[in-house]
Amino acid sequence: MNSTGNNINFSFEYAVSIIVVLVVCNLLLKSAPQMNTIIIIIAGLFIGYLSLLVMNTLVPKLNYFAFNLFQYFNYQFMYNFTNMGYVNIFPPILAILVVFIVLLYNKNLG
């Protein structure tokens, strides 16, 4: 059973186009603060659409490259995290040490 939420995929190109929309809207708002807000939003969306079209035609492998880069960093993080050994158990030991030092400083250990 498919739901509509499973069809949503965010890619690197869409993230870049959203950043372009935000930058264009911000620049328009700063350069002409008296301009109508709806015109600023429509201009930002139009420029974002154009940037998405340009990225899809000029750099068609950008999503593939960004996904491979994400997979590489994810693998490196997980591989190095499992190879850290005792560093994984250090935060709970640090928390117990901090509690012990606070109790020792307050003279509540007995």
PDB file of N, CA and C in Angstrom:
ATOM      1  N   MET A   1       0.847  -1.183   0.000  1.00  0.00           N
ATOM      2  CA  MET A   1       0.000   0.000   0.000  1.00  0.00           C
ATOM      3  C   MET A   1       0.886   1.237   0.000  1.00  0.00           C
ATOM      4  N   ASN A   2       0.711   2.078  -0.974  1.00  0.00           N
ATOM      5  CA  ASN A   2       1.523   3.288  -1.099  1.00  0.00           C
ATOM      6  C   ASN A   2       0.801   4.476  -0.497  1.00  0.00           C
ATOM      7  N   SER A   3       1.544   5.274   0.186  1.00  0.00           N
ATOM      8  CA  SER A   3       1.001   6.548   0.646  1.00  0.00           C
ATOM      9  C   SER A   3       1.724   7.660  -0.088  1.00  0.00           C
ATOM     10  N   THR A   4       1.161   8.836  -0.049  1.00  0.00           N
ATOM     11  CA  THR A   4       1.769   9.941  -0.788  1.00  0.00           C
ATOM     12  C   THR A   4       3.073  10.398  -0.167  1.00  0.00           C
ATOM     13  N   GLY A   5       3.297  10.107   1.105  1.00  0.00           N
ATOM     14  CA  GLY A   5       4.518  10.532   1.766  1.00  0.00           C
ATOM     15  C   GLY A   5       5.749   9.775   1.315  1.00  0.00           C
ATOM     16  N   ASN A   6       5.568   8.598   0.717  1.00  0.00           N
ATOM     17  CA  ASN A   6       6.717   7.806   0.286  1.00  0.00           C
ATOM     18  C   ASN A   6       7.287   8.286  -1.041  1.00  0.00           C
ATOM     19  N   ASN A   7       6.576   9.130  -1.766  1.00  0.00           N
ATOM     20  CA  ASN A   7       7.028   9.573  -3.078  1.00  0.00           C
ATOM     21  C   ASN A   7       7.914  10.801  -3.006  1.00  0.00           C
ATOM     22  N   ILE A   8       8.147  11.332  -1.835  1.00  0.00           N
ATOM     23  CA  ILE A   8       8.909  12.562  -1.705  1.00  0.00           C
ATOM     24  C   ILE A   8      10.389  12.227  -1.592  1.00  0.00           C
ATOM     25  N   ASN A   9      11.173  12.748  -2.522  1.00  0.00           N
ATOM     26  CA  ASN A   9      12.621  12.589  -2.489  1.00  0.00           C
ATOM     27  C   ASN A   9      13.261  13.960  -2.621  1.00  0.00           C
ATOM     28  N   PHE A  10      14.079  14.315  -1.654  1.00  0.00           N
ATOM     29  CA  PHE A  10      14.808  15.571  -1.735  1.00  0.00           C
ATOM     30  C   PHE A  10      16.197  15.274  -2.250  1.00  0.00           C
ATOM     31  N   SER A  11      16.575  15.988  -3.271  1.00  0.00           N
ATOM     32  CA  SER A  11      17.882  15.767  -3.852  1.00  0.00           C
ATOM     33  C   SER A  11      18.748  16.994  -3.617  1.00  0.00           C
ATOM     34  N   PHE A  12      20.007  16.856  -3.980  1.00  0.00           N
ATOM     35  CA  PHE A  12      20.957  17.945  -3.821  1.00  0.00           C
ATOM     36  C   PHE A  12      20.571  19.142  -4.682  1.00  0.00           C
ATOM     37  N   GLU A  13      20.067  18.870  -5.883  1.00  0.00           N
ATOM     38  CA  GLU A  13      19.667  19.956  -6.774  1.00  0.00           C
ATOM     39  C   GLU A  13      18.529  20.775  -6.186  1.00  0.00           C
ATOM     40  N   TYR A  14      17.576  20.106  -5.565  1.00  0.00           N
ATOM     41  CA  TYR A  14      16.463  20.827  -4.952  1.00  0.00           C
ATOM     42  C   TYR A  14      16.931  21.640  -3.754  1.00  0.00           C
ATOM     43  N   ALA A  15      17.856  21.103  -2.997  1.00  0.00           N
ATOM     44  CA  ALA A  15      18.385  21.857  -1.858  1.00  0.00           C
ATOM     45  C   ALA A  15      19.104  23.114  -2.334  1.00  0.00           C
ATOM     46  N   VAL A  16      19.886  22.983  -3.410  1.00  0.00           N
ATOM     47  CA  VAL A  16      20.587  24.158  -3.955  1.00  0.00           C
ATOM     48  C   VAL A  16      19.583  25.165  -4.495  1.00  0.00           C
ATOM     49  N   SER A  17      18.529  24.703  -5.153  1.00  0.00           N
ATOM     50  CA  SER A  17      17.541  25.640  -5.695  1.00  0.00           C
ATOM     51  C   SER A  17      16.774  26.340  -4.575  1.00  0.00           C
ATOM     52  N   ILE A  18      16.524  25.678  -3.466  1.00  0.00           N
ATOM     53  CA  ILE A  18      15.873  26.328  -2.330  1.00  0.00           C
ATOM     54  C   ILE A  18      16.787  27.392  -1.726  1.00  0.00           C
ATOM     55  N   ILE A  19      18.072  27.097  -1.649  1.00  0.00           N
ATOM     56  CA  ILE A  19      19.030  28.100  -1.156  1.00  0.00           C
ATOM     57  C   ILE A  19      19.065  29.296  -2.098  1.00  0.00           C
ATOM     58  N   VAL A  20      19.007  29.046  -3.412  1.00  0.00           N
ATOM     59  CA  VAL A  20      18.984  30.138  -4.393  1.00  0.00           C
ATOM     60  C   VAL A  20      17.730  30.986  -4.195  1.00  0.00           C
ATOM     61  N   VAL A  21      16.580  30.344  -3.963  1.00  0.00           N
ATOM     62  CA  VAL A  21      15.333  31.089  -3.737  1.00  0.00           C
ATOM     63  C   VAL A  21      15.462  31.985  -2.514  1.00  0.00           C
ATOM     64  N   LEU A  22      16.005  31.446  -1.424  1.00  0.00           N
ATOM     65  CA  LEU A  22      16.154  32.238  -0.208  1.00  0.00           C
ATOM     66  C   LEU A  22      17.106  33.415  -0.399  1.00  0.00           C
ATOM     67  N   VAL A  23      18.199  33.180  -1.098  1.00  0.00           N
ATOM     68  CA  VAL A  23      19.171  34.254  -1.326  1.00  0.00           C
ATOM     69  C   VAL A  23      18.572  35.349  -2.213  1.00  0.00           C
ATOM     70  N   VAL A  24      17.868  34.954  -3.273  1.00  0.00           N
ATOM     71  CA  VAL A  24      17.272  35.945  -4.179  1.00  0.00           C
ATOM     72  C   VAL A  24      16.206  36.754  -3.450  1.00  0.00           C
ATOM     73  N   CYS A  25      15.350  36.092  -2.674  1.00  0.00           N
ATOM     74  CA  CYS A  25      14.321  36.818  -1.922  1.00  0.00           C
ATOM     75  C   CYS A  25      14.958  37.771  -0.913  1.00  0.00           C
ATOM     76  N   ASN A  26      16.010  37.335  -0.265  1.00  0.00           N
ATOM     77  CA  ASN A  26      16.699  38.191   0.706  1.00  0.00           C
ATOM     78  C   ASN A  26      17.330  39.398   0.012  1.00  0.00           C
ATOM     79  N   LEU A  27      17.981  39.170  -1.119  1.00  0.00           N
ATOM     80  CA  LEU A  27      18.596  40.283  -1.852  1.00  0.00           C
ATOM     81  C   LEU A  27      17.550  41.273  -2.362  1.00  0.00           C
ATOM     82  N   LEU A  28      16.430  40.753  -2.869  1.00  0.00           N
ATOM     83  CA  LEU A  28      15.369  41.650  -3.325  1.00  0.00           C
ATOM     84  C   LEU A  28      14.773  42.441  -2.175  1.00  0.00           C
ATOM     85  N   LEU A  29      14.611  41.802  -1.035  1.00  0.00           N
ATOM     86  CA  LEU A  29      14.039  42.483   0.128  1.00  0.00           C
ATOM     87  C   LEU A  29      14.973  43.569   0.650  1.00  0.00           C
ATOM     88  N   LYS A  30      16.294  43.293   0.605  1.00  0.00           N
ATOM     89  CA  LYS A  30      17.250  44.297   1.082  1.00  0.00           C
ATOM     90  C   LYS A  30      17.435  45.440   0.090  1.00  0.00           C
ATOM     91  N   SER A  31      17.377  45.126  -1.209  1.00  0.00           N
ATOM     92  CA  SER A  31      17.610  46.182  -2.197  1.00  0.00           C
ATOM     93  C   SER A  31      16.383  47.069  -2.390  1.00  0.00           C
ATOM     94  N   ALA A  32      15.191  46.510  -2.262  1.00  0.00           N
ATOM     95  CA  ALA A  32      13.968  47.306  -2.438  1.00  0.00           C
ATOM     96  C   ALA A  32      12.955  46.906  -1.373  1.00  0.00           C
ATOM     97  N   PRO A  33      13.068  47.442  -0.172  1.00  0.00           N
ATOM     98  CA  PRO A  33      12.152  47.025   0.900  1.00  0.00           C
ATOM     99  C   PRO A  33      10.703  47.441   0.656  1.00  0.00           C
ATOM    100  N   GLN A  34      10.468  48.411  -0.213  1.00  0.00           N
ATOM    101  CA  GLN A  34       9.109  48.860  -0.478  1.00  0.00           C
ATOM    102  C   GLN A  34       8.400  48.005  -1.522  1.00  0.00           C
ATOM    103  N   MET A  35       9.112  47.051  -2.133  1.00  0.00           N
ATOM    104  CA  MET A  35       8.523  46.190  -3.155  1.00  0.00           C
ATOM    105  C   MET A  35       7.488  45.261  -2.522  1.00  0.00           C
ATOM    106  N   ASN A  36       6.467  44.919  -3.294  1.00  0.00           N
ATOM    107  CA  ASN A  36       5.407  44.041  -2.813  1.00  0.00           C
ATOM    108  C   ASN A  36       5.965  42.657  -2.483  1.00  0.00           C
ATOM    109  N   THR A  37       5.504  42.077  -1.387  1.00  0.00           N
ATOM    110  CA  THR A  37       6.019  40.785  -0.919  1.00  0.00           C
ATOM    111  C   THR A  37       5.685  39.665  -1.889  1.00  0.00           C
ATOM    112  N   ILE A  38       4.526  39.716  -2.492  1.00  0.00           N
ATOM    113  CA  ILE A  38       4.129  38.665  -3.436  1.00  0.00           C
ATOM    114  C   ILE A  38       5.034  38.684  -4.666  1.00  0.00           C
ATOM    115  N   ILE A  39       5.406  39.853  -5.127  1.00  0.00           N
ATOM    116  CA  ILE A  39       6.319  39.957  -6.274  1.00  0.00           C
ATOM    117  C   ILE A  39       7.692  39.393  -5.914  1.00  0.00           C
ATOM    118  N   ILE A  40       8.147  39.651  -4.701  1.00  0.00           N
ATOM    119  CA  ILE A  40       9.444  39.117  -4.254  1.00  0.00           C
ATOM    120  C   ILE A  40       9.400  37.591  -4.211  1.00  0.00           C
ATOM    121  N   ILE A  41       8.313  37.036  -3.691  1.00  0.00           N
ATOM    122  CA  ILE A  41       8.189  35.575  -3.595  1.00  0.00           C
ATOM    123  C   ILE A  41       8.112  34.959  -4.987  1.00  0.00           C
ATOM    124  N   ILE A  42       7.326  35.545  -5.884  1.00  0.00           N
ATOM    125  CA  ILE A  42       7.201  35.002  -7.241  1.00  0.00           C
ATOM    126  C   ILE A  42       8.538  35.099  -7.987  1.00  0.00           C
ATOM    127  N   ALA A  43       9.249  36.216  -7.828  1.00  0.00           N
ATOM    128  CA  ALA A  43      10.557  36.353  -8.479  1.00  0.00           C
ATOM    129  C   ALA A  43      11.551  35.326  -7.933  1.00  0.00           C
ATOM    130  N   GLY A  44      11.552  35.113  -6.623  1.00  0.00           N
ATOM    131  CA  GLY A  44      12.445  34.120  -6.033  1.00  0.00           C
ATOM    132  C   GLY A  44      12.140  32.721  -6.521  1.00  0.00           C
ATOM    133  N   LEU A  45      10.855  32.371  -6.586  1.00  0.00           N
ATOM    134  CA  LEU A  45      10.471  31.043  -7.079  1.00  0.00           C
ATOM    135  C   LEU A  45      10.813  30.865  -8.558  1.00  0.00           C
ATOM    136  N   PHE A  46      10.644  31.915  -9.340  1.00  0.00           N
ATOM    137  CA  PHE A  46      10.984  31.837 -10.761  1.00  0.00           C
ATOM    138  C   PHE A  46      12.490  31.634 -10.953  1.00  0.00           C
ATOM    139  N   ILE A  47      13.285  32.382 -10.224  1.00  0.00           N
ATOM    140  CA  ILE A  47      14.746  32.215 -10.312  1.00  0.00           C
ATOM    141  C   ILE A  47      15.156  30.832  -9.808  1.00  0.00           C
ATOM    142  N   GLY A  48      14.513  30.337  -8.763  1.00  0.00           N
ATOM    143  CA  GLY A  48      14.796  28.986  -8.279  1.00  0.00           C
ATOM    144  C   GLY A  48      14.452  27.936  -9.311  1.00  0.00           C
ATOM    145  N   TYR A  49      13.327  28.116 -10.005  1.00  0.00           N
ATOM    146  CA  TYR A  49      12.942  27.191 -11.069  1.00  0.00           C
ATOM    147  C   TYR A  49      13.953  27.216 -12.211  1.00  0.00           C
ATOM    148  N   LEU A  50      14.371  28.422 -12.584  1.00  0.00           N
ATOM    149  CA  LEU A  50      15.382  28.530 -13.642  1.00  0.00           C
ATOM    150  C   LEU A  50      16.700  27.888 -13.227  1.00  0.00           C
ATOM    151  N   SER A  51      17.093  28.089 -11.971  1.00  0.00           N
ATOM    152  CA  SER A  51      18.346  27.467 -11.516  1.00  0.00           C
ATOM    153  C   SER A  51      18.229  25.954 -11.498  1.00  0.00           C
ATOM    154  N   LEU A  52      17.046  25.430 -11.156  1.00  0.00           N
ATOM    155  CA  LEU A  52      16.838  23.981 -11.181  1.00  0.00           C
ATOM    156  C   LEU A  52      16.898  23.442 -12.603  1.00  0.00           C
ATOM    157  N   LEU A  53      16.324  24.162 -13.546  1.00  0.00           N
ATOM    158  CA  LEU A  53      16.403  23.739 -14.945  1.00  0.00           C
ATOM    159  C   LEU A  53      17.837  23.764 -15.459  1.00  0.00           C
ATOM    160  N   VAL A  54      18.583  24.799 -15.113  1.00  0.00           N
ATOM    161  CA  VAL A  54      19.976  24.902 -15.559  1.00  0.00           C
ATOM    162  C   VAL A  54      20.807  23.771 -14.967  1.00  0.00           C
ATOM    163  N   MET A  55      20.587  23.493 -13.682  1.00  0.00           N
ATOM    164  CA  MET A  55      21.353  22.407 -13.054  1.00  0.00           C
ATOM    165  C   MET A  55      20.990  21.055 -13.657  1.00  0.00           C
ATOM    166  N   ASN A  56      19.715  20.834 -13.979  1.00  0.00           N
ATOM    167  CA  ASN A  56      19.310  19.555 -14.571  1.00  0.00           C
ATOM    168  C   ASN A  56      19.853  19.366 -15.971  1.00  0.00           C
ATOM    169  N   THR A  57      20.006  20.453 -16.727  1.00  0.00           N
ATOM    170  CA  THR A  57      20.507  20.310 -18.097  1.00  0.00           C
ATOM    171  C   THR A  57      22.025  20.341 -18.175  1.00  0.00           C
ATOM    172  N   LEU A  58      22.671  21.196 -17.389  1.00  0.00           N
ATOM    173  CA  LEU A  58      24.126  21.327 -17.499  1.00  0.00           C
ATOM    174  C   LEU A  58      24.878  20.295 -16.666  1.00  0.00           C
ATOM    175  N   VAL A  59      24.350  19.970 -15.512  1.00  0.00           N
ATOM    176  CA  VAL A  59      25.047  19.032 -14.619  1.00  0.00           C
ATOM    177  C   VAL A  59      24.073  17.901 -14.256  1.00  0.00           C
ATOM    178  N   PRO A  60      23.820  16.962 -15.173  1.00  0.00           N
ATOM    179  CA  PRO A  60      22.819  15.924 -14.878  1.00  0.00           C
ATOM    180  C   PRO A  60      23.280  14.904 -13.835  1.00  0.00           C
ATOM    181  N   LYS A  61      24.550  14.772 -13.610  1.00  0.00           N
ATOM    182  CA  LYS A  61      25.059  13.780 -12.664  1.00  0.00           C
ATOM    183  C   LYS A  61      25.311  14.371 -11.273  1.00  0.00           C
ATOM    184  N   LEU A  62      24.796  15.565 -10.998  1.00  0.00           N
ATOM    185  CA  LEU A  62      25.053  16.213  -9.719  1.00  0.00           C
ATOM    186  C   LEU A  62      24.411  15.436  -8.561  1.00  0.00           C
ATOM    187  N   ASN A  63      23.186  14.943  -8.753  1.00  0.00           N
ATOM    188  CA  ASN A  63      22.534  14.166  -7.701  1.00  0.00           C
ATOM    189  C   ASN A  63      23.299  12.880  -7.422  1.00  0.00           C
ATOM    190  N   TYR A  64      23.753  12.227  -8.452  1.00  0.00           N
ATOM    191  CA  TYR A  64      24.496  10.979  -8.292  1.00  0.00           C
ATOM    192  C   TYR A  64      25.800  11.221  -7.527  1.00  0.00           C
ATOM    193  N   PHE A  65      26.499  12.293  -7.869  1.00  0.00           N
ATOM    194  CA  PHE A  65      27.741  12.637  -7.190  1.00  0.00           C
ATOM    195  C   PHE A  65      27.486  12.991  -5.721  1.00  0.00           C
ATOM    196  N   ALA A  66      26.436  13.791  -5.463  1.00  0.00           N
ATOM    197  CA  ALA A  66      26.127  14.178  -4.087  1.00  0.00           C
ATOM    198  C   ALA A  66      25.702  12.969  -3.264  1.00  0.00           C
ATOM    199  N   PHE A  67      24.948  12.041  -3.856  1.00  0.00           N
ATOM    200  CA  PHE A  67      24.541  10.835  -3.131  1.00  0.00           C
ATOM    201  C   PHE A  67      25.747   9.957  -2.825  1.00  0.00           C
ATOM    202  N   ASN A  68      26.661   9.819  -3.783  1.00  0.00           N
ATOM    203  CA  ASN A  68      27.870   9.040  -3.528  1.00  0.00           C
ATOM    204  C   ASN A  68      28.732   9.682  -2.438  1.00  0.00           C
ATOM    205  N   LEU A  69      28.820  10.998  -2.440  1.00  0.00           N
ATOM    206  CA  LEU A  69      29.569  11.707  -1.407  1.00  0.00           C
ATOM    207  C   LEU A  69      28.929  11.491  -0.033  1.00  0.00           C
ATOM    208  N   PHE A  70      27.604  11.565   0.022  1.00  0.00           N
ATOM    209  CA  PHE A  70      26.887  11.315   1.272  1.00  0.00           C
ATOM    210  C   PHE A  70      27.122   9.891   1.760  1.00  0.00           C
ATOM    211  N   GLN A  71      27.066   8.919   0.866  1.00  0.00           N
ATOM    212  CA  GLN A  71      27.294   7.522   1.245  1.00  0.00           C
ATOM    213  C   GLN A  71      28.718   7.316   1.753  1.00  0.00           C
ATOM    214  N   TYR A  72      29.688   7.977   1.123  1.00  0.00           N
ATOM    215  CA  TYR A  72      31.076   7.854   1.543  1.00  0.00           C
ATOM    216  C   TYR A  72      31.271   8.398   2.960  1.00  0.00           C
ATOM    217  N   PHE A  73      30.751   9.617   3.212  1.00  0.00           N
ATOM    218  CA  PHE A  73      30.909  10.188   4.546  1.00  0.00           C
ATOM    219  C   PHE A  73      30.133   9.406   5.591  1.00  0.00           C
ATOM    220  N   ASN A  74      28.982   8.880   5.218  1.00  0.00           N
ATOM    221  CA  ASN A  74      28.213   8.059   6.142  1.00  0.00           C
ATOM    222  C   ASN A  74      28.984   6.780   6.489  1.00  0.00           C
ATOM    223  N   TYR A  75      29.580   6.151   5.487  1.00  0.00           N
ATOM    224  CA  TYR A  75      30.377   4.950   5.730  1.00  0.00           C
ATOM    225  C   TYR A  75      31.588   5.257   6.607  1.00  0.00           C
ATOM    226  N   GLN A  76      32.288   6.347   6.302  1.00  0.00           N
ATOM    227  CA  GLN A  76      33.464   6.707   7.096  1.00  0.00           C
ATOM    228  C   GLN A  76      33.085   6.991   8.543  1.00  0.00           C
ATOM    229  N   PHE A  77      31.980   7.680   8.752  1.00  0.00           N
ATOM    230  CA  PHE A  77      31.544   7.985  10.120  1.00  0.00           C
ATOM    231  C   PHE A  77      31.201   6.708  10.875  1.00  0.00           C
ATOM    232  N   MET A  78      30.425   5.829  10.242  1.00  0.00           N
ATOM    233  CA  MET A  78      30.009   4.595  10.924  1.00  0.00           C
ATOM    234  C   MET A  78      31.199   3.662  11.155  1.00  0.00           C
ATOM    235  N   TYR A  79      32.113   3.575  10.187  1.00  0.00           N
ATOM    236  CA  TYR A  79      33.276   2.713  10.330  1.00  0.00           C
ATOM    237  C   TYR A  79      34.179   3.218  11.456  1.00  0.00           C
ATOM    238  N   ASN A  80      34.419   4.531  11.491  1.00  0.00           N
ATOM    239  CA  ASN A  80      35.267   5.082  12.540  1.00  0.00           C
ATOM    240  C   ASN A  80      34.581   5.044  13.899  1.00  0.00           C
ATOM    241  N   PHE A  81      33.263   5.132  13.931  1.00  0.00           N
ATOM    242  CA  PHE A  81      32.544   5.071  15.199  1.00  0.00           C
ATOM    243  C   PHE A  81      32.625   3.684  15.810  1.00  0.00           C
ATOM    244  N   THR A  82      32.537   2.647  14.981  1.00  0.00           N
ATOM    245  CA  THR A  82      32.617   1.296  15.527  1.00  0.00           C
ATOM    246  C   THR A  82      34.049   0.928  15.898  1.00  0.00           C
ATOM    247  N   ASN A  83      35.045   1.602  15.346  1.00  0.00           N
ATOM    248  CA  ASN A  83      36.433   1.306  15.665  1.00  0.00           C
ATOM    249  C   ASN A  83      36.978   2.139  16.818  1.00  0.00           C
ATOM    250  N   MET A  84      36.142   2.927  17.476  1.00  0.00           N
ATOM    251  CA  MET A  84      36.634   3.794  18.539  1.00  0.00           C
ATOM    252  C   MET A  84      36.870   3.042  19.848  1.00  0.00           C
ATOM    253  N   GLY A  85      36.316   1.865  19.996  1.00  0.00           N
ATOM    254  CA  GLY A  85      36.577   1.065  21.177  1.00  0.00           C
ATOM    255  C   GLY A  85      35.932   1.639  22.418  1.00  0.00           C
ATOM    256  N   TYR A  86      36.770   1.926  23.429  1.00  0.00           N
ATOM    257  CA  TYR A  86      36.252   2.361  24.714  1.00  0.00           C
ATOM    258  C   TYR A  86      35.731   3.799  24.711  1.00  0.00           C
ATOM    259  N   VAL A  87      35.954   4.537  23.662  1.00  0.00           N
ATOM    260  CA  VAL A  87      35.453   5.906  23.605  1.00  0.00           C
ATOM    261  C   VAL A  87      33.930   5.899  23.584  1.00  0.00           C
ATOM    262  N   ASN A  88      33.315   4.806  23.113  1.00  0.00           N
ATOM    263  CA  ASN A  88      31.858   4.718  23.094  1.00  0.00           C
ATOM    264  C   ASN A  88      31.272   4.699  24.503  1.00  0.00           C
ATOM    265  N   ILE A  89      31.989   4.163  25.482  1.00  0.00           N
ATOM    266  CA  ILE A  89      31.456   4.096  26.843  1.00  0.00           C
ATOM    267  C   ILE A  89      31.959   5.232  27.716  1.00  0.00           C
ATOM    268  N   PHE A  90      32.752   6.138  27.179  1.00  0.00           N
ATOM    269  CA  PHE A  90      33.292   7.221  27.994  1.00  0.00           C
ATOM    270  C   PHE A  90      32.252   8.236  28.460  1.00  0.00           C
ATOM    271  N   PRO A  91      31.269   8.654  27.663  1.00  0.00           N
ATOM    272  CA  PRO A  91      30.304   9.654  28.154  1.00  0.00           C
ATOM    273  C   PRO A  91      29.543   9.239  29.408  1.00  0.00           C
ATOM    274  N   PRO A  92      29.051   7.990  29.539  1.00  0.00           N
ATOM    275  CA  PRO A  92      28.403   7.640  30.818  1.00  0.00           C
ATOM    276  C   PRO A  92      29.375   7.664  32.000  1.00  0.00           C
ATOM    277  N   ILE A  93      30.607   7.250  31.746  1.00  0.00           N
ATOM    278  CA  ILE A  93      31.605   7.285  32.827  1.00  0.00           C
ATOM    279  C   ILE A  93      31.908   8.734  33.204  1.00  0.00           C
ATOM    280  N   LEU A  94      31.957   9.627  32.243  1.00  0.00           N
ATOM    281  CA  LEU A  94      32.177  11.042  32.517  1.00  0.00           C
ATOM    282  C   LEU A  94      31.023  11.624  33.331  1.00  0.00           C
ATOM    283  N   ALA A  95      29.791  11.227  33.006  1.00  0.00           N
ATOM    284  CA  ALA A  95      28.637  11.720  33.756  1.00  0.00           C
ATOM    285  C   ALA A  95      28.703  11.253  35.209  1.00  0.00           C
ATOM    286  N   ILE A  96      29.073  10.009  35.426  1.00  0.00           N
ATOM    287  CA  ILE A  96      29.208   9.498  36.795  1.00  0.00           C
ATOM    288  C   ILE A  96      30.337  10.221  37.523  1.00  0.00           C
ATOM    289  N   LEU A  97      31.421  10.499  36.847  1.00  0.00           N
ATOM    290  CA  LEU A  97      32.530  11.225  37.454  1.00  0.00           C
ATOM    291  C   LEU A  97      32.113  12.639  37.847  1.00  0.00           C
ATOM    292  N   VAL A  98      31.337  13.304  37.003  1.00  0.00           N
ATOM    293  CA  VAL A  98      30.873  14.656  37.322  1.00  0.00           C
ATOM    294  C   VAL A  98      29.962  14.627  38.543  1.00  0.00           C
ATOM    295  N   VAL A  99      29.048  13.662  38.594  1.00  0.00           N
ATOM    296  CA  VAL A  99      28.163  13.546  39.765  1.00  0.00           C
ATOM    297  C   VAL A  99      28.993  13.276  41.013  1.00  0.00           C
ATOM    298  N   PHE A 100      29.984  12.410  40.924  1.00  0.00           N
ATOM    299  CA  PHE A 100      30.837  12.104  42.068  1.00  0.00           C
ATOM    300  C   PHE A 100      31.586  13.352  42.544  1.00  0.00           C
ATOM    301  N   ILE A 101      32.117  14.130  41.613  1.00  0.00           N
ATOM    302  CA  ILE A 101      32.854  15.348  41.985  1.00  0.00           C
ATOM    303  C   ILE A 101      31.922  16.372  42.632  1.00  0.00           C
ATOM    304  N   VAL A 102      30.691  16.502  42.111  1.00  0.00           N
ATOM    305  CA  VAL A 102      29.730  17.439  42.704  1.00  0.00           C
ATOM    306  C   VAL A 102      29.365  16.996  44.112  1.00  0.00           C
ATOM    307  N   LEU A 103      29.130  15.700  44.304  1.00  0.00           N
ATOM    308  CA  LEU A 103      28.812  15.201  45.652  1.00  0.00           C
ATOM    309  C   LEU A 103      29.999  15.364  46.597  1.00  0.00           C
ATOM    310  N   LEU A 104      31.195  15.154  46.091  1.00  0.00           N
ATOM    311  CA  LEU A 104      32.390  15.328  46.915  1.00  0.00           C
ATOM    312  C   LEU A 104      32.582  16.793  47.297  1.00  0.00           C
ATOM    313  N   TYR A 105      32.310  17.695  46.367  1.00  0.00           N
ATOM    314  CA  TYR A 105      32.466  19.128  46.634  1.00  0.00           C
ATOM    315  C   TYR A 105      31.420  19.614  47.638  1.00  0.00           C
ATOM    316  N   ASN A 106      30.214  19.075  47.566  1.00  0.00           N
ATOM    317  CA  ASN A 106      29.148  19.470  48.502  1.00  0.00           C
ATOM    318  C   ASN A 106      29.226  18.738  49.842  1.00  0.00           C
ATOM    319  N   LYS A 107      30.166  17.838  49.986  1.00  0.00           N
ATOM    320  CA  LYS A 107      30.373  17.043  51.190  1.00  0.00           C
ATOM    321  C   LYS A 107      29.132  16.211  51.517  1.00  0.00           C
ATOM    322  N   ASN A 108      28.536  15.593  50.490  1.00  0.00           N
ATOM    323  CA  ASN A 108      27.349  14.765  50.675  1.00  0.00           C
ATOM    324  C   ASN A 108      27.667  13.276  50.547  1.00  0.00           C
ATOM    325  N   LEU A 109      28.920  12.908  50.536  1.00  0.00           N
ATOM    326  CA  LEU A 109      29.258  11.497  50.395  1.00  0.00           C
ATOM    327  C   LEU A 109      29.233  10.749  51.726  1.00  0.00           C
ATOM    328  N   GLY A 110      29.163  11.439  52.804  1.00  0.00           N
ATOM    329  CA  GLY A 110      29.063  10.753  54.086  1.00  0.00           C
ATOM    330  C   GLY A 110      30.259  10.915  54.860  1.00  0.00           C
TER     331      GLY A 110
END
